[in-house]
Protein backbone atom coordinates (compact mmCIF):
# COMPACT_ATOMS: atom_id res chain seq x y z
CA UNK A 1 10.38 -20.22 -2.48
CA UNK A 2 13.74 -18.46 -2.54
CA UNK A 3 16.04 -19.60 0.26
CA UNK A 4 17.53 -17.25 2.83
CA UNK A 5 21.00 -17.74 1.33
CA UNK A 6 19.73 -16.81 -2.14
CA UNK A 7 18.06 -13.67 -0.77
CA UNK A 8 21.13 -12.54 1.13
CA UNK A 9 23.33 -13.14 -1.93
CA UNK A 10 21.37 -10.72 -4.11
CA UNK A 11 23.07 -7.49 -5.16
CA UNK A 12 22.03 -4.68 -2.78
CA UNK A 13 19.75 -2.17 -4.52
CA UNK A 14 20.41 1.54 -4.65
CA UNK A 15 16.79 2.25 -3.73
CA UNK A 16 14.25 -0.05 -2.05
CA UNK A 17 10.57 0.88 -1.83
CA UNK A 18 8.25 -0.92 0.60
CA UNK A 19 4.62 -0.17 -0.23
CA UNK A 20 1.74 -1.21 2.03
CA UNK A 21 -1.90 -0.60 1.17
CA UNK A 22 -5.11 -1.81 -0.43
CA UNK A 23 -7.06 -0.72 -3.49
CA UNK A 24 -5.62 2.78 -3.86
CA UNK A 25 -2.13 1.31 -3.91
CA UNK A 26 -3.26 -1.34 -6.40
CA UNK A 27 -4.66 1.33 -8.72
CA UNK A 28 -1.56 3.49 -8.36
CA UNK A 29 1.15 0.83 -8.47
CA UNK A 30 1.64 0.80 -12.28
CA UNK A 31 2.00 4.59 -12.20
CA UNK A 32 4.46 4.42 -9.29
CA UNK A 33 6.65 1.76 -10.89
CA UNK A 34 6.79 3.70 -14.15
CA UNK A 35 7.55 6.98 -12.37
CA UNK A 36 10.31 5.54 -10.17
CA UNK A 37 12.02 3.86 -13.09
CA UNK A 38 11.89 7.08 -15.11
CA UNK A 39 13.16 9.21 -12.21
CA UNK A 40 16.03 6.90 -11.27
CA UNK A 41 17.69 5.78 -14.51
CA UNK A 42 20.76 3.59 -14.18
CA UNK A 43 19.83 2.86 -10.56
CA UNK A 44 19.08 -0.58 -9.13
CA UNK A 45 15.53 -0.43 -7.73
CA UNK A 46 13.57 -2.95 -5.64
CA UNK A 47 9.85 -2.46 -5.13
CA UNK A 48 8.22 -4.64 -2.45
CA UNK A 49 4.45 -4.16 -2.41
CA UNK A 50 1.76 -5.71 -0.23
CA UNK A 51 -1.49 -4.52 -1.77
CA UNK A 52 -4.81 -5.64 -3.20
CA UNK A 53 -8.46 -4.65 -3.32
CA UNK A 54 -10.01 -5.01 0.12
CA UNK A 55 -6.61 -5.82 1.67
CA UNK A 56 -6.48 -6.22 5.44
CA UNK A 57 -3.58 -5.32 7.69
CA UNK A 58 -4.71 -7.90 10.25
CA UNK A 59 -6.06 -11.07 8.63
CA UNK A 60 -6.67 -12.93 5.41
CA UNK A 61 -9.16 -10.97 3.28
CA UNK A 62 -11.22 -12.17 0.35
CA UNK A 63 -12.66 -10.41 -2.69
CA UNK A 64 -14.87 -12.71 -4.75
CA UNK A 65 -12.54 -15.65 -5.59
CA UNK A 66 -9.20 -14.20 -4.42
CA UNK A 67 -7.73 -14.20 -0.92
CA UNK A 68 -4.59 -12.51 0.44
CA UNK A 69 -2.87 -12.74 3.85
CA UNK A 70 -2.89 -9.84 6.28
CA UNK A 71 -0.19 -7.28 5.56
CA UNK A 72 1.25 -7.55 9.07
CA UNK A 73 1.86 -11.30 8.70
CA UNK A 74 2.65 -11.63 4.97
CA UNK A 75 5.98 -12.91 3.69
CA UNK A 76 7.21 -9.42 2.79
CA UNK A 77 8.68 -9.02 6.27
CA UNK A 78 10.66 -12.27 6.17
CA UNK A 79 12.11 -11.37 2.77
CA UNK A 80 12.88 -7.83 3.88
CA UNK A 81 14.81 -9.15 6.88
CA UNK A 82 16.87 -11.49 4.69
CA UNK A 83 17.58 -9.25 1.71
CA UNK A 84 20.86 -7.29 1.79
CA UNK A 85 20.37 -3.72 3.06
CA UNK A 86 19.62 -1.12 0.41
CA UNK A 87 21.61 2.08 0.17
CA UNK A 88 18.31 3.85 0.93
CA UNK A 89 14.88 2.48 1.83
CA UNK A 90 11.60 4.31 1.35
CA UNK A 91 8.16 3.19 2.50
CA UNK A 92 4.50 4.00 2.11
CA UNK A 93 1.67 3.10 4.51
CA UNK A 94 -1.87 3.80 3.34
CA UNK A 95 -5.43 2.42 2.95
CA UNK A 96 -6.35 1.90 6.60
CA UNK A 97 -10.12 1.63 6.26
CA UNK A 98 -10.67 -1.93 5.01
CA UNK A 99 -10.36 -3.61 8.40
CA UNK A 100 -13.13 -1.45 9.86
CA UNK A 101 -15.37 -2.73 7.09
CA UNK A 102 -14.53 -6.27 8.21
CA UNK A 103 -15.51 -5.48 11.80
CA UNK A 104 -12.06 -4.99 13.35
CA UNK A 105 -11.75 -2.65 16.32
CA UNK A 106 -9.87 0.62 15.97
CA UNK A 107 -7.34 -0.47 18.61
CA UNK A 108 -6.47 -3.70 16.74
CA UNK A 109 -5.91 -1.75 13.52
CA UNK A 110 -3.74 0.83 15.25
CA UNK A 111 -1.66 -1.93 16.85
CA UNK A 112 -1.13 -3.73 13.52
CA UNK A 113 -0.27 -0.61 11.51
CA UNK A 114 1.91 0.68 14.33
CA UNK A 115 3.85 -2.59 14.29
CA UNK A 116 4.43 -2.19 10.54
CA UNK A 117 5.65 1.37 11.07
CA UNK A 118 8.16 0.25 13.68
CA UNK A 119 9.42 -2.56 11.47
CA UNK A 120 10.01 -0.05 8.70
CA UNK A 121 11.84 2.22 11.12
CA UNK A 122 14.12 -0.69 12.03
CA UNK A 123 15.07 -0.91 8.35
CA UNK A 124 15.90 2.78 8.23
CA UNK A 125 13.03 3.58 5.89
CA UNK A 126 11.95 7.09 5.05
CA UNK A 127 8.25 6.42 5.53
CA UNK A 128 5.25 8.33 4.23
CA UNK A 129 1.84 7.83 5.84
CA UNK A 130 -0.93 8.68 3.40
CA UNK A 131 -3.85 9.30 5.72
CA UNK A 132 -7.51 8.33 5.20
CA UNK A 133 -9.52 10.90 3.18
CA UNK A 134 -11.32 12.32 6.22
CA UNK A 135 -12.16 15.62 4.52
CA UNK A 136 -13.99 13.75 1.76
CA UNK A 137 -15.58 11.26 4.16
CA UNK A 138 -16.98 14.06 6.29
CA UNK A 139 -19.03 15.16 3.27
CA UNK A 140 -20.81 11.80 3.01
CA UNK A 141 -24.45 11.40 3.98
CA UNK A 142 -25.82 8.24 5.59
CA UNK A 143 -27.29 6.94 2.33
CA UNK A 144 -24.10 7.68 0.35
CA UNK A 145 -22.12 5.72 2.94
CA UNK A 146 -24.60 2.84 2.70
CA UNK A 147 -24.22 2.68 -1.09
CA UNK A 148 -20.40 2.94 -1.01
CA UNK A 149 -20.06 0.44 1.84
CA UNK A 150 -22.22 -2.23 0.20
CA UNK A 151 -20.70 -1.65 -3.23
CA UNK A 152 -17.18 -2.41 -2.03
CA UNK A 153 -17.80 -4.36 1.19
CA UNK A 154 -21.14 -6.20 1.16
CA UNK A 155 -22.34 -7.38 4.55
CA UNK A 156 -23.37 -5.93 7.92
CA UNK A 157 -23.38 -2.15 7.79
CA UNK A 158 -22.73 -0.24 11.05
CA UNK A 159 -24.23 3.26 11.35
CA UNK A 160 -22.28 5.93 9.51
CA UNK A 161 -21.77 7.92 12.70
CA UNK A 162 -19.94 4.97 14.29
CA UNK A 163 -17.87 4.22 11.19
CA UNK A 164 -16.80 7.86 10.84
CA UNK A 165 -15.88 8.02 14.53
CA UNK A 166 -13.86 4.79 14.20
CA UNK A 167 -11.86 5.85 11.13
CA UNK A 168 -11.19 9.22 12.76
CA UNK A 169 -9.87 7.42 15.84
CA UNK A 170 -7.69 5.12 13.73
CA UNK A 171 -6.28 8.08 11.82
CA UNK A 172 -5.52 10.00 15.00
CA UNK A 173 -3.66 7.16 16.70
CA UNK A 174 -1.79 5.99 13.60
CA UNK A 175 -0.75 9.60 13.00
CA UNK A 176 0.74 9.60 16.50
CA UNK A 177 2.55 6.33 15.79
CA UNK A 178 3.82 7.75 12.48
CA UNK A 179 5.17 10.82 14.24
CA UNK A 180 6.96 8.60 16.76
CA UNK A 181 8.96 6.94 13.97
CA UNK A 182 9.55 10.28 12.18
CA UNK A 183 7.31 9.35 9.25
CA UNK A 184 5.97 12.16 7.09
CA UNK A 185 2.18 12.31 6.91
CA UNK A 186 0.14 13.48 3.92
CA UNK A 187 -3.50 14.50 4.21
CA UNK A 188 -5.42 13.72 1.01
CA UNK A 189 -7.12 16.64 -0.70
CA UNK A 190 -10.87 16.46 -1.14
CA UNK A 191 -10.34 17.26 -4.84
CA UNK A 192 -8.58 13.93 -5.30
CA UNK A 193 -11.93 12.13 -5.02
CA UNK A 194 -15.07 12.14 -7.11
CA UNK A 195 -18.35 10.35 -6.49
CA UNK A 196 -16.36 7.43 -5.11
CA UNK A 197 -15.27 8.72 -1.67
CA UNK A 198 -12.48 6.24 -0.93
CA UNK A 199 -10.58 5.79 -4.20
CA UNK A 200 -8.41 8.52 -5.71
CA UNK A 201 -10.01 9.40 -9.03
CA UNK A 202 -8.22 8.47 -12.23
CA UNK A 203 -7.85 12.15 -13.15
CA UNK A 204 -6.14 12.92 -9.83
CA UNK A 205 -3.72 10.00 -9.57
CA UNK A 206 -0.75 11.82 -11.11
CA UNK A 207 -1.16 14.76 -8.70
CA UNK A 208 -1.77 12.53 -5.68
CA UNK A 209 1.15 10.19 -6.24
CA UNK A 210 3.42 13.12 -7.06
CA UNK A 211 2.85 14.23 -3.45
CA UNK A 212 4.15 10.89 -2.21
CA UNK A 213 7.15 10.88 -4.57
CA UNK A 214 8.17 14.36 -3.50
CA UNK A 215 7.72 13.55 0.20
CA UNK A 216 10.31 10.78 -0.09
CA UNK A 217 12.90 13.43 -1.09
CA UNK A 218 14.68 10.99 -3.38
CA UNK A 219 16.70 13.73 -5.02
CA UNK A 220 15.58 16.43 -7.38
CA UNK A 221 11.85 17.05 -7.12
CA UNK A 222 10.12 14.38 -9.19
CA UNK A 223 6.54 14.01 -10.30
CA UNK A 224 4.46 11.01 -11.21
CA UNK A 225 4.03 9.99 -14.83
CA UNK A 226 0.84 8.54 -16.31
CA UNK A 227 0.99 4.78 -16.77
CA UNK A 228 0.37 3.14 -20.12
CA UNK A 229 -1.90 0.17 -20.75
CA UNK A 230 1.26 -1.93 -20.95
CA UNK A 231 2.31 -0.70 -17.49
CA UNK A 232 -1.05 -1.68 -16.01
CA UNK A 233 -1.09 -5.10 -17.64
CA UNK A 234 2.55 -5.72 -16.78
CA UNK A 235 2.04 -5.03 -13.06
CA UNK A 236 -1.49 -6.30 -12.52
CA UNK A 237 -0.91 -9.69 -14.17
CA UNK A 238 1.94 -10.64 -11.82
CA UNK A 239 1.25 -13.07 -8.99
CA UNK A 240 1.97 -12.38 -5.30
CA UNK A 241 4.01 -14.71 -3.14
CA UNK A 242 0.96 -16.15 -1.39
CA UNK A 243 -2.72 -16.07 -2.27
CA UNK A 244 -5.78 -18.26 -2.60
CA UNK A 245 -7.69 -18.44 -5.85
CA UNK A 246 -10.96 -20.36 -5.98
CA UNK A 247 -10.01 -21.38 -2.42
CA UNK A 248 -6.83 -23.09 -3.61
CA UNK A 249 -3.54 -21.87 -2.11
CA UNK A 250 -0.95 -20.59 -4.60
CA UNK A 251 2.69 -19.89 -3.79
CA UNK A 252 4.81 -17.81 -6.17
CA UNK A 253 8.59 -17.21 -5.90
CA UNK A 254 9.63 -13.58 -5.84
CA UNK A 255 10.50 -11.24 -7.44
CA UNK A 256 7.37 -11.43 -9.55
CA UNK A 257 8.90 -9.40 -12.38
CA UNK A 258 12.23 -7.86 -13.37
CA UNK A 259 12.69 -5.15 -15.98
CA UNK A 260 15.77 -4.87 -18.18
CA UNK A 261 16.84 -1.75 -16.25
CA UNK A 262 17.50 -3.78 -13.06
CA UNK A 263 14.20 -2.84 -11.40
CA UNK A 264 12.53 -5.75 -9.62
CA UNK A 265 8.94 -6.01 -8.39
CA UNK A 266 8.17 -8.18 -5.37
CA UNK A 267 4.48 -8.77 -4.60
CA UNK A 268 2.87 -10.02 -1.40
């Protein structure tokens, strides 16, 4: 691992982006990295992302053979505290629903996400909270929920009425916490989703992530750019700082990848 002295000695970036989420962030990360690099030429960019399919804010989570630590307790926060301050820090908080699927209570999720929001505030981040897709979820029937839940999160399946009430409660209280730290909140449009009610459709990713980019108010209004196959492979093949694979722990020094334009990608 990189020592504290090595982290503090790094050249401060012009722009630092701290991205927290699960599968939607994973699917959108190649597009975001490409768009930020295109929008900020000749700028030193750091992208710190804690993401992954089925990612939990609270605890270790596992998808098939891969495990990742909870976002609240991952190494991102230690590195962020030790890295030299950026000229400007931006942050994204999204994908709040996974922990409900694992049986966590709404209050524990709100506490964990709220703690992340306050940490970001302490770093002076301009934070965007991309809310759960409640408008799309309210269109789901019981059987559609059952199919979606067991496709992505096999296991015990609480009644849809309880799950909808819980995610609504989480959204309401995290929205309050976001307002307390002056974060900007974005409500997803129902048109962003297709048959899959929780993942932004491929056709809508450019429009959806453009909303986030513009909410950060980086400078001139910028829009997302479609990612190439090379962008997807380049981002998705990099290893995070800590994971388990086939139940074996793997530690990877960060940054995971550095482009020739001085952009670095740190994964957690």
